[in-house]
Amino acid sequence: MKIDAARFFKDLHDLRAIGAAGVGKGVVRPAYSAADVEAREWLAGRMRDAGLTVEVDAMGNLLRTCRGAVDPAGVAFRQPARRRLA
């Protein structure tokens, strides 16, 4: 798989703009804040654009599912969009 570096850096820039705390100050997106919700919606949209099925579990985790190529009814993978708690 070839990575489109320009698209990767644009996505990274777009995502870090949500909740940006200022130049050199990082990103602030407390859980369930407006910035957190906006970032999750942005990520879910990018997942859908990639053809993935997006679900949200009871804890608010984004889950992405890709249908299998061999068995279209089967699931090739289902994985939470990991969130680091710190």
N, C-alpha and C. Protein backbone atom coordinates (compact mmCIF):
# COMPACT_ATOMS: atom_id res chain seq x y z
N MET A 1 0.83 -1.16 0.00
CA MET A 1 0.00 0.00 0.00
C MET A 1 0.89 1.24 0.00
N LYS A 2 0.61 2.14 -0.92
CA LYS A 2 1.37 3.38 -1.00
C LYS A 2 0.62 4.46 -0.23
N ILE A 3 1.33 5.15 0.63
CA ILE A 3 0.76 6.22 1.43
C ILE A 3 0.84 7.53 0.66
N ASP A 4 -0.26 8.24 0.57
CA ASP A 4 -0.29 9.57 -0.05
C ASP A 4 0.13 10.56 1.04
N ALA A 5 1.38 10.95 1.05
CA ALA A 5 1.93 11.80 2.10
C ALA A 5 1.22 13.14 2.18
N ALA A 6 0.90 13.72 1.05
CA ALA A 6 0.23 15.03 1.05
C ALA A 6 -1.15 14.93 1.72
N ARG A 7 -1.89 13.87 1.39
CA ARG A 7 -3.21 13.68 2.00
C ARG A 7 -3.08 13.39 3.49
N PHE A 8 -2.09 12.57 3.86
CA PHE A 8 -1.86 12.25 5.27
C PHE A 8 -1.60 13.52 6.08
N PHE A 9 -0.70 14.38 5.59
CA PHE A 9 -0.36 15.59 6.32
C PHE A 9 -1.52 16.59 6.34
N LYS A 10 -2.33 16.62 5.27
CA LYS A 10 -3.51 17.50 5.27
C LYS A 10 -4.50 17.01 6.32
N ASP A 11 -4.75 15.69 6.38
CA ASP A 11 -5.66 15.15 7.39
C ASP A 11 -5.14 15.42 8.80
N LEU A 12 -3.85 15.24 9.00
CA LEU A 12 -3.25 15.49 10.31
C LEU A 12 -3.42 16.96 10.70
N HIS A 13 -3.17 17.86 9.75
CA HIS A 13 -3.33 19.28 10.00
C HIS A 13 -4.79 19.62 10.31
N ASP A 14 -5.72 19.07 9.52
CA ASP A 14 -7.15 19.33 9.74
C ASP A 14 -7.59 18.85 11.11
N LEU A 15 -7.17 17.66 11.51
CA LEU A 15 -7.57 17.11 12.80
C LEU A 15 -6.96 17.90 13.96
N ARG A 16 -5.70 18.27 13.84
CA ARG A 16 -5.08 18.98 14.96
C ARG A 16 -5.62 20.40 15.10
N ALA A 17 -6.26 20.92 14.05
CA ALA A 17 -6.88 22.25 14.14
C ALA A 17 -8.10 22.24 15.07
N ILE A 18 -8.69 21.06 15.25
CA ILE A 18 -9.86 20.94 16.12
C ILE A 18 -9.36 20.87 17.57
N GLY A 19 -9.58 21.93 18.30
CA GLY A 19 -9.13 21.98 19.69
C GLY A 19 -7.71 22.50 19.86
N ALA A 20 -7.16 23.09 18.80
CA ALA A 20 -5.79 23.61 18.88
C ALA A 20 -5.70 24.65 19.99
N ALA A 21 -4.65 24.55 20.80
CA ALA A 21 -4.47 25.45 21.94
C ALA A 21 -3.53 26.60 21.63
N GLY A 22 -3.06 26.69 20.41
CA GLY A 22 -2.14 27.76 20.03
C GLY A 22 -0.82 27.19 19.53
N VAL A 23 -0.05 28.01 18.88
CA VAL A 23 1.21 27.57 18.30
C VAL A 23 2.11 26.99 19.38
N GLY A 24 2.54 25.75 19.17
CA GLY A 24 3.45 25.09 20.09
C GLY A 24 2.81 24.62 21.39
N LYS A 25 1.49 24.72 21.52
CA LYS A 25 0.82 24.36 22.77
C LYS A 25 -0.01 23.09 22.66
N GLY A 26 0.00 22.45 21.51
CA GLY A 26 -0.70 21.19 21.36
C GLY A 26 -2.20 21.34 21.12
N VAL A 27 -2.91 20.28 21.44
CA VAL A 27 -4.35 20.20 21.21
C VAL A 27 -5.04 19.88 22.53
N VAL A 28 -6.16 20.54 22.78
CA VAL A 28 -6.93 20.29 24.00
C VAL A 28 -8.33 19.89 23.58
N ARG A 29 -8.67 18.61 23.85
CA ARG A 29 -10.00 18.09 23.54
C ARG A 29 -10.48 17.24 24.70
N PRO A 30 -10.92 17.85 25.81
CA PRO A 30 -11.43 17.04 26.92
C PRO A 30 -12.59 16.17 26.45
N ALA A 31 -12.74 15.01 27.07
CA ALA A 31 -13.80 14.07 26.69
C ALA A 31 -15.16 14.74 26.68
N TYR A 32 -15.89 14.52 25.59
CA TYR A 32 -17.26 14.99 25.39
C TYR A 32 -17.38 16.51 25.27
N SER A 33 -16.26 17.20 25.13
CA SER A 33 -16.32 18.64 24.87
C SER A 33 -16.73 18.84 23.41
N ALA A 34 -17.06 20.09 23.06
CA ALA A 34 -17.44 20.39 21.68
C ALA A 34 -16.31 20.01 20.72
N ALA A 35 -15.06 20.26 21.11
CA ALA A 35 -13.92 19.93 20.26
C ALA A 35 -13.78 18.41 20.12
N ASP A 36 -14.00 17.67 21.19
CA ASP A 36 -13.91 16.20 21.15
C ASP A 36 -14.98 15.64 20.22
N VAL A 37 -16.20 16.12 20.35
CA VAL A 37 -17.30 15.65 19.51
C VAL A 37 -17.02 15.99 18.04
N GLU A 38 -16.53 17.20 17.79
CA GLU A 38 -16.21 17.60 16.41
C GLU A 38 -15.12 16.72 15.82
N ALA A 39 -14.08 16.42 16.61
CA ALA A 39 -12.98 15.57 16.12
C ALA A 39 -13.48 14.15 15.83
N ARG A 40 -14.34 13.62 16.69
CA ARG A 40 -14.89 12.28 16.46
C ARG A 40 -15.74 12.25 15.19
N GLU A 41 -16.56 13.31 15.00
CA GLU A 41 -17.38 13.38 13.78
C GLU A 41 -16.50 13.48 12.55
N TRP A 42 -15.42 14.25 12.65
CA TRP A 42 -14.49 14.38 11.52
C TRP A 42 -13.88 13.01 11.18
N LEU A 43 -13.40 12.30 12.23
CA LEU A 43 -12.79 11.00 12.02
C LEU A 43 -13.79 10.00 11.45
N ALA A 44 -15.01 9.99 11.97
CA ALA A 44 -16.04 9.09 11.46
C ALA A 44 -16.31 9.38 9.98
N GLY A 45 -16.31 10.64 9.61
CA GLY A 45 -16.51 11.00 8.20
C GLY A 45 -15.39 10.49 7.32
N ARG A 46 -14.15 10.60 7.79
CA ARG A 46 -13.00 10.09 7.01
C ARG A 46 -13.10 8.57 6.88
N MET A 47 -13.54 7.89 7.95
CA MET A 47 -13.71 6.43 7.88
C MET A 47 -14.77 6.06 6.85
N ARG A 48 -15.89 6.79 6.87
CA ARG A 48 -16.95 6.51 5.88
C ARG A 48 -16.45 6.77 4.47
N ASP A 49 -15.68 7.86 4.30
CA ASP A 49 -15.11 8.17 2.98
C ASP A 49 -14.24 7.02 2.47
N ALA A 50 -13.62 6.28 3.40
CA ALA A 50 -12.76 5.15 3.04
C ALA A 50 -13.56 3.87 2.83
N GLY A 51 -14.88 3.95 2.95
CA GLY A 51 -15.72 2.78 2.71
C GLY A 51 -15.95 1.91 3.93
N LEU A 52 -15.60 2.42 5.11
CA LEU A 52 -15.78 1.64 6.33
C LEU A 52 -17.15 1.93 6.93
N THR A 53 -17.68 0.95 7.65
CA THR A 53 -18.90 1.13 8.41
C THR A 53 -18.49 1.62 9.79
N VAL A 54 -19.13 2.68 10.26
CA VAL A 54 -18.76 3.29 11.54
C VAL A 54 -19.89 3.08 12.54
N GLU A 55 -19.52 2.64 13.74
CA GLU A 55 -20.46 2.48 14.83
C GLU A 55 -19.87 3.16 16.07
N VAL A 56 -20.73 3.48 17.01
CA VAL A 56 -20.29 4.03 18.28
C VAL A 56 -20.83 3.10 19.36
N ASP A 57 -19.94 2.61 20.25
CA ASP A 57 -20.40 1.70 21.30
C ASP A 57 -20.96 2.49 22.48
N ALA A 58 -21.42 1.77 23.50
CA ALA A 58 -22.06 2.39 24.66
C ALA A 58 -21.13 3.35 25.41
N MET A 59 -19.84 3.17 25.28
CA MET A 59 -18.87 4.05 25.96
C MET A 59 -18.44 5.22 25.09
N GLY A 60 -18.94 5.28 23.87
CA GLY A 60 -18.60 6.38 22.98
C GLY A 60 -17.40 6.12 22.10
N ASN A 61 -16.88 4.89 22.10
CA ASN A 61 -15.75 4.55 21.24
C ASN A 61 -16.22 4.43 19.79
N LEU A 62 -15.42 4.95 18.87
CA LEU A 62 -15.69 4.76 17.45
C LEU A 62 -15.18 3.39 17.04
N LEU A 63 -16.04 2.62 16.36
CA LEU A 63 -15.63 1.32 15.83
C LEU A 63 -15.74 1.38 14.32
N ARG A 64 -14.76 0.81 13.65
CA ARG A 64 -14.78 0.80 12.18
C ARG A 64 -14.80 -0.65 11.72
N THR A 65 -15.62 -0.92 10.73
CA THR A 65 -15.75 -2.27 10.20
C THR A 65 -15.53 -2.24 8.70
N CYS A 66 -14.77 -3.22 8.22
CA CYS A 66 -14.52 -3.38 6.79
C CYS A 66 -15.07 -4.72 6.37
N ARG A 67 -15.94 -4.72 5.40
CA ARG A 67 -16.48 -5.98 4.89
C ARG A 67 -15.40 -6.74 4.16
N GLY A 68 -15.43 -8.07 4.31
CA GLY A 68 -14.42 -8.92 3.69
C GLY A 68 -14.55 -8.96 2.18
N ALA A 69 -13.43 -9.03 1.47
CA ALA A 69 -13.43 -9.08 0.01
C ALA A 69 -13.87 -10.45 -0.49
N VAL A 70 -13.50 -11.51 0.21
CA VAL A 70 -13.85 -12.87 -0.21
C VAL A 70 -15.30 -13.17 0.12
N ASP A 71 -15.72 -12.82 1.31
CA ASP A 71 -17.09 -13.05 1.77
C ASP A 71 -17.68 -11.69 2.13
N PRO A 72 -18.39 -11.04 1.19
CA PRO A 72 -18.90 -9.69 1.43
C PRO A 72 -19.76 -9.58 2.69
N ALA A 73 -20.35 -10.67 3.12
CA ALA A 73 -21.17 -10.62 4.34
C ALA A 73 -20.30 -10.76 5.58
N GLY A 74 -19.08 -11.24 5.41
CA GLY A 74 -18.18 -11.44 6.54
C GLY A 74 -17.45 -10.16 6.88
N VAL A 75 -16.95 -10.10 8.06
CA VAL A 75 -16.22 -8.93 8.52
C VAL A 75 -14.73 -9.21 8.44
N ALA A 76 -14.00 -8.39 7.72
CA ALA A 76 -12.55 -8.56 7.61
C ALA A 76 -11.87 -8.08 8.88
N PHE A 77 -12.34 -6.97 9.42
CA PHE A 77 -11.82 -6.52 10.71
C PHE A 77 -12.82 -5.56 11.35
N ARG A 78 -12.78 -5.54 12.63
CA ARG A 78 -13.59 -4.58 13.41
C ARG A 78 -12.71 -4.17 14.57
N GLN A 79 -12.38 -2.93 14.60
CA GLN A 79 -11.38 -2.48 15.57
C GLN A 79 -11.76 -1.11 16.10
N PRO A 80 -11.63 -0.91 17.40
CA PRO A 80 -11.90 0.42 17.92
C PRO A 80 -10.86 1.43 17.45
N ALA A 81 -11.28 2.64 17.23
CA ALA A 81 -10.34 3.73 16.97
C ALA A 81 -9.79 4.09 18.33
N ARG A 82 -8.62 3.60 18.63
CA ARG A 82 -8.03 3.70 19.98
C ARG A 82 -7.97 5.14 20.46
N ARG A 83 -8.19 5.30 21.72
CA ARG A 83 -8.09 6.60 22.36
C ARG A 83 -7.21 6.44 23.59
N ARG A 84 -6.19 7.24 23.66
CA ARG A 84 -5.26 7.15 24.79
C ARG A 84 -5.80 7.99 25.95
N LEU A 85 -5.86 7.40 27.08
CA LEU A 85 -6.31 8.12 28.27
C LEU A 85 -5.10 8.55 29.08
N ALA A 86 -4.87 9.81 29.17
CA ALA A 86 -3.74 10.32 29.95
C ALA A 86 -3.93 11.79 30.22
